[in-house]
Amino acid sequence: MLPLIAALPPTALVNQDKAGSFRARFDLRLRGGGRTLMVFDRGSLTLGPGPAHDVDAHLSADPAALMLVFIGRQGITKPLLGGKLAAWGPRPWKLARMLTAISPP
């Protein structure tokens, strides 16, 4: 999933109208995979090598559950309650805003 996202133009996954002035940094940990730093900066998304220590939140995710949430096929509540997604850190509420800023291709 992450190689696909990385191959897209930086603004392809971000809804410019909803992203607006949104700025956040997330440490994404895919279960059974690697870590990626996701940086949202006013309408753009950059992926970089992880981990990072100055992030707004950490996200541990089952890859299939994360893909379903990212493409809008499933809400975030069921994966969170079922343990497929977990979030923690100083500002985990920014993840909800991130999901509104993402626009699947």
Protein backbone atom coordinates (compact mmCIF):
# COMPACT_ATOMS: atom_id res chain seq x y z
CA MET A 1 0.00 0.00 0.00
CA LEU A 2 2.71 2.50 0.91
CA PRO A 3 4.67 2.06 -2.35
CA LEU A 4 1.44 2.84 -4.23
CA ILE A 5 0.84 5.97 -2.17
CA ALA A 6 4.47 7.04 -2.57
CA ALA A 7 4.24 6.68 -6.37
CA LEU A 8 1.33 9.14 -6.61
CA PRO A 9 1.87 12.89 -6.89
CA PRO A 10 2.06 14.56 -3.43
CA THR A 11 -1.37 16.15 -3.73
CA ALA A 12 -3.18 13.16 -5.31
CA LEU A 13 -4.49 11.77 -2.01
CA VAL A 14 -5.30 15.05 -0.34
CA ASN A 15 -8.58 16.92 -0.72
CA GLN A 16 -7.34 20.48 -1.12
CA ASP A 17 -10.62 22.02 0.05
CA LYS A 18 -10.72 20.02 3.28
CA ALA A 19 -6.98 20.01 3.98
CA GLY A 20 -6.74 23.80 3.99
CA SER A 21 -4.30 24.77 6.72
CA PHE A 22 -4.06 21.26 8.17
CA ARG A 23 -0.57 20.41 9.40
CA ALA A 24 0.32 17.17 11.16
CA ARG A 25 2.97 14.48 11.46
CA PHE A 26 2.08 10.82 11.99
CA ASP A 27 4.22 7.77 12.68
CA LEU A 28 2.46 5.00 10.75
CA ARG A 29 3.36 1.45 11.78
CA LEU A 30 2.00 -1.26 9.52
CA ARG A 31 1.70 -4.57 11.32
CA GLY A 32 3.96 -7.10 9.67
CA GLY A 33 5.63 -4.28 7.74
CA GLY A 34 7.63 -1.14 8.22
CA ARG A 35 7.21 2.34 9.59
CA THR A 36 6.56 5.49 7.65
CA LEU A 37 6.43 9.13 8.59
CA MET A 38 3.37 10.84 7.08
CA VAL A 39 3.63 14.63 6.95
CA PHE A 40 0.58 16.71 6.04
CA ASP A 41 1.43 20.31 5.29
CA ARG A 42 -1.32 22.60 4.01
CA GLY A 43 -2.68 20.37 1.28
CA SER A 44 0.32 18.18 0.57
CA LEU A 45 1.29 14.75 1.83
CA THR A 46 4.89 13.59 2.11
CA LEU A 47 5.98 10.10 3.09
CA GLY A 48 9.40 9.54 4.59
CA PRO A 49 11.37 6.96 6.47
CA GLY A 50 10.18 6.41 10.02
CA PRO A 51 10.21 6.56 12.92
CA ALA A 52 10.05 10.14 14.09
CA HIS A 53 10.01 11.42 17.63
CA ASP A 54 8.28 14.76 17.06
CA VAL A 55 4.96 13.45 15.76
CA ASP A 56 1.40 14.42 16.63
CA ALA A 57 0.31 10.79 16.89
CA HIS A 58 1.39 7.21 16.32
CA LEU A 59 -0.82 4.82 14.39
CA SER A 60 -0.43 1.04 14.45
CA ALA A 61 -2.55 -0.59 11.76
CA ASP A 62 -3.46 -3.87 10.16
CA PRO A 63 -2.73 -3.13 6.46
CA ALA A 64 -6.09 -4.40 5.16
CA ALA A 65 -8.07 -2.44 7.75
CA LEU A 66 -6.09 0.72 7.05
CA MET A 67 -6.67 0.41 3.32
CA LEU A 68 -10.43 0.05 3.82
CA VAL A 69 -10.49 3.15 6.03
CA PHE A 70 -8.30 5.18 3.64
CA ILE A 71 -10.41 4.41 0.58
CA GLY A 72 -13.62 5.13 2.46
CA ARG A 73 -15.05 1.60 2.40
CA GLN A 74 -15.16 1.38 6.19
CA GLY A 75 -15.41 3.88 9.02
CA ILE A 76 -12.75 4.08 11.67
CA THR A 77 -14.88 2.98 14.64
CA LYS A 78 -15.06 -0.76 13.91
CA PRO A 79 -11.29 -1.21 13.29
CA LEU A 80 -10.48 0.80 16.43
CA LEU A 81 -12.84 -1.22 18.61
CA GLY A 82 -11.70 -4.51 17.02
CA GLY A 83 -8.01 -3.78 17.63
CA LYS A 84 -7.15 -3.49 13.93
CA LEU A 85 -6.12 0.16 14.41
CA ALA A 86 -4.58 1.80 17.46
CA ALA A 87 -3.64 5.45 17.96
CA TRP A 88 -1.75 7.23 20.72
CA GLY A 89 0.50 10.21 21.27
CA PRO A 90 0.24 13.86 22.19
CA ARG A 91 -2.49 14.74 19.64
CA PRO A 92 -4.27 11.57 18.44
CA TRP A 93 -7.42 13.56 17.58
CA LYS A 94 -5.57 14.88 14.51
CA LEU A 95 -6.07 11.45 12.94
CA ALA A 96 -9.78 12.17 12.54
CA ARG A 97 -8.95 15.38 10.68
CA MET A 98 -6.43 13.48 8.56
CA LEU A 99 -9.13 11.06 7.44
CA THR A 100 -11.31 13.95 6.28
CA ALA A 101 -8.37 15.47 4.41
CA ILE A 102 -7.63 12.27 2.48
CA SER A 103 -9.36 11.85 -0.86
CA PRO A 104 -8.92 8.38 -2.35
CA PRO A 105 -8.02 8.28 -6.07
